[in-house]
């Protein structure tokens, strides 16, 4: 008894459509092309989202008010204008290890 003999006619169709063994090379290529086009359509929907959707957090590993904090704020201001996205500076003293 082969693998699909015990299945109903509807299930045989689904089972055999999962493989390209019953198709010619051209039929298999068409099936593969249809799958690729379908994936590209789904990927296009994912790319339509704006990135990033939340503010960017820049972590400064020194206390606020120091030269590193000032430099980080200057860089964040330029990044914010370039990216069109708000950037939050978070000072975490001692996070440098």
PDB file of N, CA and C in Angstrom:
ATOM      1  N   UNK A   1       0.851  -1.175   0.000  1.00  0.00           N
ATOM      2  CA  UNK A   1       0.000   0.000   0.000  1.00  0.00           C
ATOM      3  C   UNK A   1       0.889   1.228   0.000  1.00  0.00           C
ATOM      4  N   UNK A   2       0.682   2.101  -0.996  1.00  0.00           N
ATOM      5  CA  UNK A   2       1.505   3.312  -1.054  1.00  0.00           C
ATOM      6  C   UNK A   2       0.990   4.336  -0.054  1.00  0.00           C
ATOM      7  N   UNK A   3       1.670   5.437   0.067  1.00  0.00           N
ATOM      8  CA  UNK A   3       1.361   6.447   1.077  1.00  0.00           C
ATOM      9  C   UNK A   3       0.025   7.134   0.922  1.00  0.00           C
ATOM     10  N   UNK A   4      -0.522   7.246  -0.301  1.00  0.00           N
ATOM     11  CA  UNK A   4      -1.757   8.018  -0.471  1.00  0.00           C
ATOM     12  C   UNK A   4      -2.966   7.166  -0.786  1.00  0.00           C
ATOM     13  N   UNK A   5      -2.862   5.850  -0.844  1.00  0.00           N
ATOM     14  CA  UNK A   5      -3.996   4.999  -1.196  1.00  0.00           C
ATOM     15  C   UNK A   5      -5.092   5.027  -0.138  1.00  0.00           C
ATOM     16  N   UNK A   6      -4.753   5.196   1.098  1.00  0.00           N
ATOM     17  CA  UNK A   6      -5.750   5.177   2.161  1.00  0.00           C
ATOM     18  C   UNK A   6      -6.440   6.516   2.372  1.00  0.00           C
ATOM     19  N   UNK A   7      -6.074   7.535   1.628  1.00  0.00           N
ATOM     20  CA  UNK A   7      -6.641   8.869   1.814  1.00  0.00           C
ATOM     21  C   UNK A   7      -7.849   9.085   0.919  1.00  0.00           C
ATOM     22  N   UNK A   8      -8.737   9.982   1.323  1.00  0.00           N
ATOM     23  CA  UNK A   8      -9.876  10.339   0.481  1.00  0.00           C
ATOM     24  C   UNK A   8      -9.379  11.105  -0.742  1.00  0.00           C
ATOM     25  N   UNK A   9     -10.264  11.273  -1.753  1.00  0.00           N
ATOM     26  CA  UNK A   9      -9.871  11.964  -2.986  1.00  0.00           C
ATOM     27  C   UNK A   9      -9.423  13.397  -2.709  1.00  0.00           C
ATOM     28  N   UNK A  10     -10.112  14.100  -1.801  1.00  0.00           N
ATOM     29  CA  UNK A  10      -9.741  15.487  -1.491  1.00  0.00           C
ATOM     30  C   UNK A  10      -8.354  15.540  -0.859  1.00  0.00           C
ATOM     31  N   UNK A  11      -8.077  14.635   0.054  1.00  0.00           N
ATOM     32  CA  UNK A  11      -6.774  14.616   0.718  1.00  0.00           C
ATOM     33  C   UNK A  11      -5.665  14.163  -0.225  1.00  0.00           C
ATOM     34  N   UNK A  12      -5.990  13.291  -1.195  1.00  0.00           N
ATOM     35  CA  UNK A  12      -4.981  12.879  -2.171  1.00  0.00           C
ATOM     36  C   UNK A  12      -4.508  14.070  -2.977  1.00  0.00           C
ATOM     37  N   UNK A  13      -5.443  14.950  -3.355  1.00  0.00           N
ATOM     38  CA  UNK A  13      -5.078  16.147  -4.118  1.00  0.00           C
ATOM     39  C   UNK A  13      -4.174  17.067  -3.328  1.00  0.00           C
ATOM     40  N   UNK A  14      -4.489  17.263  -2.057  1.00  0.00           N
ATOM     41  CA  UNK A  14      -3.666  18.137  -1.209  1.00  0.00           C
ATOM     42  C   UNK A  14      -2.296  17.504  -1.008  1.00  0.00           C
ATOM     43  N   UNK A  15      -2.272  16.181  -0.778  1.00  0.00           N
ATOM     44  CA  UNK A  15      -1.015  15.508  -0.525  1.00  0.00           C
ATOM     45  C   UNK A  15      -0.102  15.574  -1.739  1.00  0.00           C
ATOM     46  N   UNK A  16      -0.646  15.314  -2.919  1.00  0.00           N
ATOM     47  CA  UNK A  16       0.196  15.285  -4.106  1.00  0.00           C
ATOM     48  C   UNK A  16       0.596  16.680  -4.556  1.00  0.00           C
ATOM     49  N   UNK A  17      -0.188  17.720  -4.211  1.00  0.00           N
ATOM     50  CA  UNK A  17       0.190  19.084  -4.591  1.00  0.00           C
ATOM     51  C   UNK A  17       1.385  19.577  -3.775  1.00  0.00           C
ATOM     52  N   UNK A  18       1.665  18.910  -2.667  1.00  0.00           N
ATOM     53  CA  UNK A  18       2.782  19.339  -1.832  1.00  0.00           C
ATOM     54  C   UNK A  18       4.123  19.008  -2.463  1.00  0.00           C
ATOM     55  N   UNK A  19       4.149  18.084  -3.413  1.00  0.00           N
ATOM     56  CA  UNK A  19       5.414  17.743  -4.049  1.00  0.00           C
ATOM     57  C   UNK A  19       5.330  18.022  -5.538  1.00  0.00           C
ATOM     58  N   UNK A  20       6.457  18.109  -6.191  1.00  0.00           N
ATOM     59  CA  UNK A  20       6.508  18.366  -7.626  1.00  0.00           C
ATOM     60  C   UNK A  20       6.742  17.098  -8.418  1.00  0.00           C
ATOM     61  N   UNK A  21       6.646  15.938  -7.803  1.00  0.00           N
ATOM     62  CA  UNK A  21       6.945  14.702  -8.509  1.00  0.00           C
ATOM     63  C   UNK A  21       5.985  14.427  -9.658  1.00  0.00           C
ATOM     64  N   UNK A  22       4.733  14.820  -9.505  1.00  0.00           N
ATOM     65  CA  UNK A  22       3.753  14.540 -10.543  1.00  0.00           C
ATOM     66  C   UNK A  22       3.743  15.617 -11.633  1.00  0.00           C
ATOM     67  N   UNK A  23       4.493  16.696 -11.468  1.00  0.00           N
ATOM     68  CA  UNK A  23       4.526  17.787 -12.435  1.00  0.00           C
ATOM     69  C   UNK A  23       5.713  17.640 -13.373  1.00  0.00           C
ATOM     70  N   UNK A  24       5.592  18.248 -14.531  1.00  0.00           N
ATOM     71  CA  UNK A  24       6.746  18.311 -15.424  1.00  0.00           C
ATOM     72  C   UNK A  24       7.704  19.361 -14.873  1.00  0.00           C
ATOM     73  N   UNK A  25       8.844  19.503 -15.485  1.00  0.00           N
ATOM     74  CA  UNK A  25       9.809  20.509 -15.035  1.00  0.00           C
ATOM     75  C   UNK A  25       9.209  21.908 -15.184  1.00  0.00           C
ATOM     76  N   UNK A  26       8.486  22.148 -16.266  1.00  0.00           N
ATOM     77  CA  UNK A  26       7.859  23.457 -16.459  1.00  0.00           C
ATOM     78  C   UNK A  26       6.785  23.697 -15.401  1.00  0.00           C
ATOM     79  N   UNK A  27       6.009  22.666 -15.070  1.00  0.00           N
ATOM     80  CA  UNK A  27       4.976  22.813 -14.039  1.00  0.00           C
ATOM     81  C   UNK A  27       5.579  23.069 -12.675  1.00  0.00           C
ATOM     82  N   UNK A  28       6.667  22.387 -12.383  1.00  0.00           N
ATOM     83  CA  UNK A  28       7.354  22.585 -11.111  1.00  0.00           C
ATOM     84  C   UNK A  28       7.949  23.992 -11.041  1.00  0.00           C
ATOM     85  N   UNK A  29       8.489  24.458 -12.156  1.00  0.00           N
ATOM     86  CA  UNK A  29       9.051  25.818 -12.199  1.00  0.00           C
ATOM     87  C   UNK A  29       7.952  26.856 -11.990  1.00  0.00           C
ATOM     88  N   UNK A  30       6.769  26.618 -12.588  1.00  0.00           N
ATOM     89  CA  UNK A  30       5.653  27.555 -12.397  1.00  0.00           C
ATOM     90  C   UNK A  30       5.211  27.576 -10.937  1.00  0.00           C
ATOM     91  N   UNK A  31       5.164  26.407 -10.316  1.00  0.00           N
ATOM     92  CA  UNK A  31       4.781  26.335  -8.905  1.00  0.00           C
ATOM     93  C   UNK A  31       5.789  27.073  -8.034  1.00  0.00           C
ATOM     94  N   UNK A  32       7.054  26.871  -8.312  1.00  0.00           N
ATOM     95  CA  UNK A  32       8.108  27.559  -7.564  1.00  0.00           C
ATOM     96  C   UNK A  32       8.043  29.061  -7.780  1.00  0.00           C
ATOM     97  N   UNK A  33       7.817  29.484  -9.007  1.00  0.00           N
ATOM     98  CA  UNK A  33       7.714  30.914  -9.309  1.00  0.00           C
ATOM     99  C   UNK A  33       6.524  31.540  -8.595  1.00  0.00           C
ATOM    100  N   UNK A  34       5.393  30.830  -8.559  1.00  0.00           N
ATOM    101  CA  UNK A  34       4.215  31.338  -7.852  1.00  0.00           C
ATOM    102  C   UNK A  34       4.499  31.479  -6.359  1.00  0.00           C
ATOM    103  N   UNK A  35       5.216  30.535  -5.781  1.00  0.00           N
ATOM    104  CA  UNK A  35       5.568  30.616  -4.360  1.00  0.00           C
ATOM    105  C   UNK A  35       6.492  31.796  -4.089  1.00  0.00           C
ATOM    106  N   UNK A  36       7.456  32.021  -4.975  1.00  0.00           N
ATOM    107  CA  UNK A  36       8.385  33.143  -4.803  1.00  0.00           C
ATOM    108  C   UNK A  36       7.652  34.468  -4.907  1.00  0.00           C
ATOM    109  N   UNK A  37       6.762  34.598  -5.884  1.00  0.00           N
ATOM    110  CA  UNK A  37       5.997  35.840  -6.048  1.00  0.00           C
ATOM    111  C   UNK A  37       5.121  36.077  -4.819  1.00  0.00           C
ATOM    112  N   UNK A  38       4.512  35.015  -4.300  1.00  0.00           N
ATOM    113  CA  UNK A  38       3.696  35.152  -3.093  1.00  0.00           C
ATOM    114  C   UNK A  38       4.501  35.632  -1.902  1.00  0.00           C
ATOM    115  N   UNK A  39       5.700  35.108  -1.744  1.00  0.00           N
ATOM    116  CA  UNK A  39       6.566  35.550  -0.645  1.00  0.00           C
ATOM    117  C   UNK A  39       7.017  36.997  -0.824  1.00  0.00           C
ATOM    118  N   UNK A  40       7.249  37.394  -2.064  1.00  0.00           N
ATOM    119  CA  UNK A  40       7.660  38.779  -2.316  1.00  0.00           C
ATOM    120  C   UNK A  40       6.527  39.755  -1.986  1.00  0.00           C
ATOM    121  N   UNK A  41       5.303  39.358  -2.269  1.00  0.00           N
ATOM    122  CA  UNK A  41       4.153  40.209  -1.932  1.00  0.00           C
ATOM    123  C   UNK A  41       4.056  40.375  -0.424  1.00  0.00           C
ATOM    124  N   UNK A  42       4.229  39.272   0.314  1.00  0.00           N
ATOM    125  CA  UNK A  42       4.180  39.355   1.771  1.00  0.00           C
ATOM    126  C   UNK A  42       5.336  40.173   2.323  1.00  0.00           C
ATOM    127  N   UNK A  43       6.510  40.070   1.721  1.00  0.00           N
ATOM    128  CA  UNK A  43       7.667  40.851   2.176  1.00  0.00           C
ATOM    129  C   UNK A  43       7.442  42.338   1.914  1.00  0.00           C
ATOM    130  N   UNK A  44       6.780  42.669   0.811  1.00  0.00           N
ATOM    131  CA  UNK A  44       6.496  44.065   0.503  1.00  0.00           C
ATOM    132  C   UNK A  44       5.608  44.702   1.555  1.00  0.00           C
ATOM    133  N   UNK A  45       4.673  43.938   2.098  1.00  0.00           N
ATOM    134  CA  UNK A  45       3.807  44.465   3.155  1.00  0.00           C
ATOM    135  C   UNK A  45       4.615  44.741   4.420  1.00  0.00           C
ATOM    136  N   UNK A  46       5.600  43.914   4.702  1.00  0.00           N
ATOM    137  CA  UNK A  46       6.435  44.124   5.882  1.00  0.00           C
ATOM    138  C   UNK A  46       7.332  45.348   5.691  1.00  0.00           C
ATOM    139  N   UNK A  47       7.796  45.590   4.478  1.00  0.00           N
ATOM    140  CA  UNK A  47       8.661  46.734   4.224  1.00  0.00           C
ATOM    141  C   UNK A  47       7.907  48.057   4.255  1.00  0.00           C
ATOM    142  N   UNK A  48       6.587  48.018   4.145  1.00  0.00           N
ATOM    143  CA  UNK A  48       5.802  49.239   4.139  1.00  0.00           C
ATOM    144  C   UNK A  48       5.728  49.888   5.516  1.00  0.00           C
ATOM    145  N   UNK A  49       6.132  49.177   6.545  1.00  0.00           N
ATOM    146  CA  UNK A  49       6.105  49.737   7.889  1.00  0.00           C
ATOM    147  C   UNK A  49       7.203  50.782   8.039  1.00  0.00           C
ATOM    148  N   UNK A  50       6.922  51.819   8.816  1.00  0.00           N
ATOM    149  CA  UNK A  50       7.939  52.830   9.067  1.00  0.00           C
ATOM    150  C   UNK A  50       8.909  52.299  10.109  1.00  0.00           C
ATOM    151  N   UNK A  51      10.175  52.591   9.927  1.00  0.00           N
ATOM    152  CA  UNK A  51      11.193  52.126  10.865  1.00  0.00           C
ATOM    153  C   UNK A  51      11.909  53.316  11.437  1.00  0.00           C
ATOM    154  N   UNK A  52      12.211  53.361  12.645  1.00  0.00           N
ATOM    155  CA  UNK A  52      11.666  52.572  13.739  1.00  0.00           C
ATOM    156  C   UNK A  52      10.326  53.138  14.171  1.00  0.00           C
ATOM    157  N   UNK A  53       9.504  52.339  14.778  1.00  0.00           N
ATOM    158  CA  UNK A  53       8.186  52.792  15.201  1.00  0.00           C
ATOM    159  C   UNK A  53       8.223  53.416  16.587  1.00  0.00           C
ATOM    160  N   UNK A  54       9.287  53.186  17.336  1.00  0.00           N
ATOM    161  CA  UNK A  54       9.441  53.785  18.670  1.00  0.00           C
ATOM    162  C   UNK A  54      10.664  54.699  18.652  1.00  0.00           C
ATOM    163  N   UNK A  55      10.752  55.621  19.617  1.00  0.00           N
ATOM    164  CA  UNK A  55      11.957  56.472  19.679  1.00  0.00           C
ATOM    165  C   UNK A  55      13.218  55.631  19.879  1.00  0.00           C
ATOM    166  N   UNK A  56      14.306  56.103  19.312  1.00  0.00           N
ATOM    167  CA  UNK A  56      15.594  55.430  19.460  1.00  0.00           C
ATOM    168  C   UNK A  56      16.190  55.848  20.800  1.00  0.00           C
ATOM    169  N   UNK A  57      16.685  54.886  21.562  1.00  0.00           N
ATOM    170  CA  UNK A  57      17.311  55.180  22.851  1.00  0.00           C
ATOM    171  C   UNK A  57      18.821  55.043  22.703  1.00  0.00           C
ATOM    172  N   UNK A  58      19.527  56.133  23.000  1.00  0.00           N
ATOM    173  CA  UNK A  58      20.993  56.112  22.968  1.00  0.00           C
ATOM    174  C   UNK A  58      21.474  56.062  24.413  1.00  0.00           C
ATOM    175  N   UNK A  59      22.213  55.033  24.764  1.00  0.00           N
ATOM    176  CA  UNK A  59      22.694  54.864  26.131  1.00  0.00           C
ATOM    177  C   UNK A  59      24.102  55.428  26.239  1.00  0.00           C
ATOM    178  N   UNK A  60      24.267  56.362  27.185  1.00  0.00           N
ATOM    179  CA  UNK A  60      25.573  56.959  27.467  1.00  0.00           C
ATOM    180  C   UNK A  60      26.032  56.370  28.797  1.00  0.00           C
ATOM    181  N   UNK A  61      27.223  55.779  28.812  1.00  0.00           N
ATOM    182  CA  UNK A  61      27.669  55.037  29.990  1.00  0.00           C
ATOM    183  C   UNK A  61      28.389  55.895  31.025  1.00  0.00           C
ATOM    184  N   UNK A  62      28.222  57.213  30.935  1.00  0.00           N
ATOM    185  CA  UNK A  62      28.817  58.116  31.915  1.00  0.00           C
ATOM    186  C   UNK A  62      27.735  59.005  32.500  1.00  0.00           C
ATOM    187  N   UNK A  63      28.037  59.647  33.610  1.00  0.00           N
ATOM    188  CA  UNK A  63      27.069  60.495  34.297  1.00  0.00           C
ATOM    189  C   UNK A  63      26.657  61.675  33.417  1.00  0.00           C
ATOM    190  N   UNK A  64      25.440  62.195  33.596  1.00  0.00           N
ATOM    191  CA  UNK A  64      24.986  63.330  32.792  1.00  0.00           C
ATOM    192  C   UNK A  64      25.787  64.597  33.092  1.00  0.00           C
ATOM    193  N   UNK A  65      25.948  65.441  32.097  1.00  0.00           N
ATOM    194  CA  UNK A  65      26.632  66.710  32.253  1.00  0.00           C
ATOM    195  C   UNK A  65      28.092  66.683  31.863  1.00  0.00           C
ATOM    196  N   UNK A  66      28.650  65.507  31.664  1.00  0.00           N
ATOM    197  CA  UNK A  66      30.057  65.405  31.296  1.00  0.00           C
ATOM    198  C   UNK A  66      30.249  65.569  29.790  1.00  0.00           C
ATOM    199  N   UNK A  67      31.514  65.556  29.355  1.00  0.00           N
ATOM    200  CA  UNK A  67      31.796  65.753  27.932  1.00  0.00           C
ATOM    201  C   UNK A  67      31.214  64.637  27.041  1.00  0.00           C
ATOM    202  N   UNK A  68      31.158  63.421  27.546  1.00  0.00           N
ATOM    203  CA  UNK A  68      30.580  62.325  26.765  1.00  0.00           C
ATOM    204  C   UNK A  68      29.086  62.536  26.570  1.00  0.00           C
ATOM    205  N   UNK A  69      28.409  63.024  27.596  1.00  0.00           N
ATOM    206  CA  UNK A  69      26.980  63.301  27.504  1.00  0.00           C
ATOM    207  C   UNK A  69      26.714  64.423  26.502  1.00  0.00           C
ATOM    208  N   UNK A  70      27.518  65.464  26.545  1.00  0.00           N
ATOM    209  CA  UNK A  70      27.344  66.589  25.610  1.00  0.00           C
ATOM    210  C   UNK A  70      27.560  66.116  24.174  1.00  0.00           C
ATOM    211  N   UNK A  71      28.615  65.334  23.949  1.00  0.00           N
ATOM    212  CA  UNK A  71      28.881  64.818  22.610  1.00  0.00           C
ATOM    213  C   UNK A  71      27.740  63.912  22.134  1.00  0.00           C
ATOM    214  N   UNK A  72      27.225  63.075  23.005  1.00  0.00           N
ATOM    215  CA  UNK A  72      26.112  62.192  22.644  1.00  0.00           C
ATOM    216  C   UNK A  72      24.877  63.000  22.267  1.00  0.00           C
ATOM    217  N   UNK A  73      24.628  64.102  22.963  1.00  0.00           N
ATOM    218  CA  UNK A  73      23.456  64.937  22.650  1.00  0.00           C
ATOM    219  C   UNK A  73      23.632  65.657  21.309  1.00  0.00           C
ATOM    220  N   UNK A  74      24.854  66.055  20.989  1.00  0.00           N
ATOM    221  CA  UNK A  74      25.117  66.685  19.687  1.00  0.00           C
ATOM    222  C   UNK A  74      24.890  65.662  18.561  1.00  0.00           C
ATOM    223  N   UNK A  75      25.416  64.468  18.759  1.00  0.00           N
ATOM    224  CA  UNK A  75      25.237  63.408  17.757  1.00  0.00           C
ATOM    225  C   UNK A  75      23.763  63.039  17.632  1.00  0.00           C
ATOM    226  N   UNK A  76      23.058  62.936  18.758  1.00  0.00           N
ATOM    227  CA  UNK A  76      21.638  62.579  18.738  1.00  0.00           C
ATOM    228  C   UNK A  76      20.813  63.634  18.007  1.00  0.00           C
ATOM    229  N   UNK A  77      21.168  64.906  18.179  1.00  0.00           N
ATOM    230  CA  UNK A  77      20.445  65.976  17.480  1.00  0.00           C
ATOM    231  C   UNK A  77      20.612  65.838  15.965  1.00  0.00           C
ATOM    232  N   UNK A  78      21.839  65.585  15.527  1.00  0.00           N
ATOM    233  CA  UNK A  78      22.089  65.407  14.090  1.00  0.00           C
ATOM    234  C   UNK A  78      21.379  64.148  13.562  1.00  0.00           C
ATOM    235  N   UNK A  79      21.448  63.059  14.323  1.00  0.00           N
ATOM    236  CA  UNK A  79      20.772  61.827  13.913  1.00  0.00           C
ATOM    237  C   UNK A  79      19.260  62.033  13.824  1.00  0.00           C
ATOM    238  N   UNK A  80      18.708  62.767  14.770  1.00  0.00           N
ATOM    239  CA  UNK A  80      17.273  63.013  14.790  1.00  0.00           C
ATOM    240  C   UNK A  80      16.821  63.787  13.553  1.00  0.00           C
ATOM    241  N   UNK A  81      17.610  64.790  13.164  1.00  0.00           N
ATOM    242  CA  UNK A  81      17.263  65.556  11.957  1.00  0.00           C
ATOM    243  C   UNK A  81      17.431  64.709  10.702  1.00  0.00           C
ATOM    244  N   UNK A  82      18.465  63.893  10.657  1.00  0.00           N
ATOM    245  CA  UNK A  82      18.723  63.067   9.471  1.00  0.00           C
ATOM    246  C   UNK A  82      17.689  61.959   9.314  1.00  0.00           C
ATOM    247  N   UNK A  83      17.363  61.261  10.413  1.00  0.00           N
ATOM    248  CA  UNK A  83      16.445  60.130  10.357  1.00  0.00           C
ATOM    249  C   UNK A  83      14.979  60.527  10.453  1.00  0.00           C
ATOM    250  N   UNK A  84      14.725  61.738  10.967  1.00  0.00           N
ATOM    251  CA  UNK A  84      13.347  62.164  11.167  1.00  0.00           C
ATOM    252  C   UNK A  84      12.670  61.395  12.295  1.00  0.00           C
ATOM    253  N   UNK A  85      13.437  60.978  13.261  1.00  0.00           N
ATOM    254  CA  UNK A  85      12.929  60.162  14.366  1.00  0.00           C
ATOM    255  C   UNK A  85      13.473  60.722  15.670  1.00  0.00           C
ATOM    256  N   UNK A  86      12.654  60.711  16.719  1.00  0.00           N
ATOM    257  CA  UNK A  86      13.126  61.232  17.998  1.00  0.00           C
ATOM    258  C   UNK A  86      14.119  60.259  18.628  1.00  0.00           C
ATOM    259  N   UNK A  87      15.111  60.827  19.313  1.00  0.00           N
ATOM    260  CA  UNK A  87      16.159  60.036  19.958  1.00  0.00           C
ATOM    261  C   UNK A  87      16.228  60.444  21.415  1.00  0.00           C
ATOM    262  N   UNK A  88      16.198  59.470  22.293  1.00  0.00           N
ATOM    263  CA  UNK A  88      16.221  59.686  23.739  1.00  0.00           C
ATOM    264  C   UNK A  88      17.609  59.320  24.239  1.00  0.00           C
ATOM    265  N   UNK A  89      18.209  60.235  25.018  1.00  0.00           N
ATOM    266  CA  UNK A  89      19.514  59.964  25.632  1.00  0.00           C
ATOM    267  C   UNK A  89      19.257  59.420  27.025  1.00  0.00           C
ATOM    268  N   UNK A  90      19.830  58.258  27.320  1.00  0.00           N
ATOM    269  CA  UNK A  90      19.696  57.671  28.646  1.00  0.00           C
ATOM    270  C   UNK A  90      21.080  57.532  29.247  1.00  0.00           C
ATOM    271  N   UNK A  91      21.312  58.267  30.341  1.00  0.00           N
ATOM    272  CA  UNK A  91      22.605  58.197  31.020  1.00  0.00           C
ATOM    273  C   UNK A  91      22.543  57.096  32.072  1.00  0.00           C
ATOM    274  N   UNK A  92      23.419  56.113  31.930  1.00  0.00           N
ATOM    275  CA  UNK A  92      23.481  54.996  32.879  1.00  0.00           C
ATOM    276  C   UNK A  92      24.914  54.940  33.387  1.00  0.00           C
ATOM    277  N   UNK A  93      25.161  55.621  34.487  1.00  0.00           N
ATOM    278  CA  UNK A  93      26.506  55.647  35.053  1.00  0.00           C
ATOM    279  C   UNK A  93      26.897  54.242  35.509  1.00  0.00           C
ATOM    280  N   UNK A  94      28.095  53.820  35.158  1.00  0.00           N
ATOM    281  CA  UNK A  94      28.585  52.510  35.560  1.00  0.00           C
ATOM    282  C   UNK A  94      28.211  51.396  34.599  1.00  0.00           C
ATOM    283  N   UNK A  95      27.560  51.697  33.513  1.00  0.00           N
ATOM    284  CA  UNK A  95      27.166  50.653  32.563  1.00  0.00           C
ATOM    285  C   UNK A  95      28.310  50.270  31.630  1.00  0.00           C
ATOM    286  N   UNK A  96      29.446  50.923  31.770  1.00  0.00           N
ATOM    287  CA  UNK A  96      30.575  50.627  30.900  1.00  0.00           C
ATOM    288  C   UNK A  96      31.330  49.376  31.302  1.00  0.00           C
ATOM    289  N   UNK A  97      30.991  48.792  32.417  1.00  0.00           N
ATOM    290  CA  UNK A  97      31.633  47.544  32.825  1.00  0.00           C
ATOM    291  C   UNK A  97      32.598  47.809  33.858  1.00  0.00           C
TER     292      UNK A  97
END
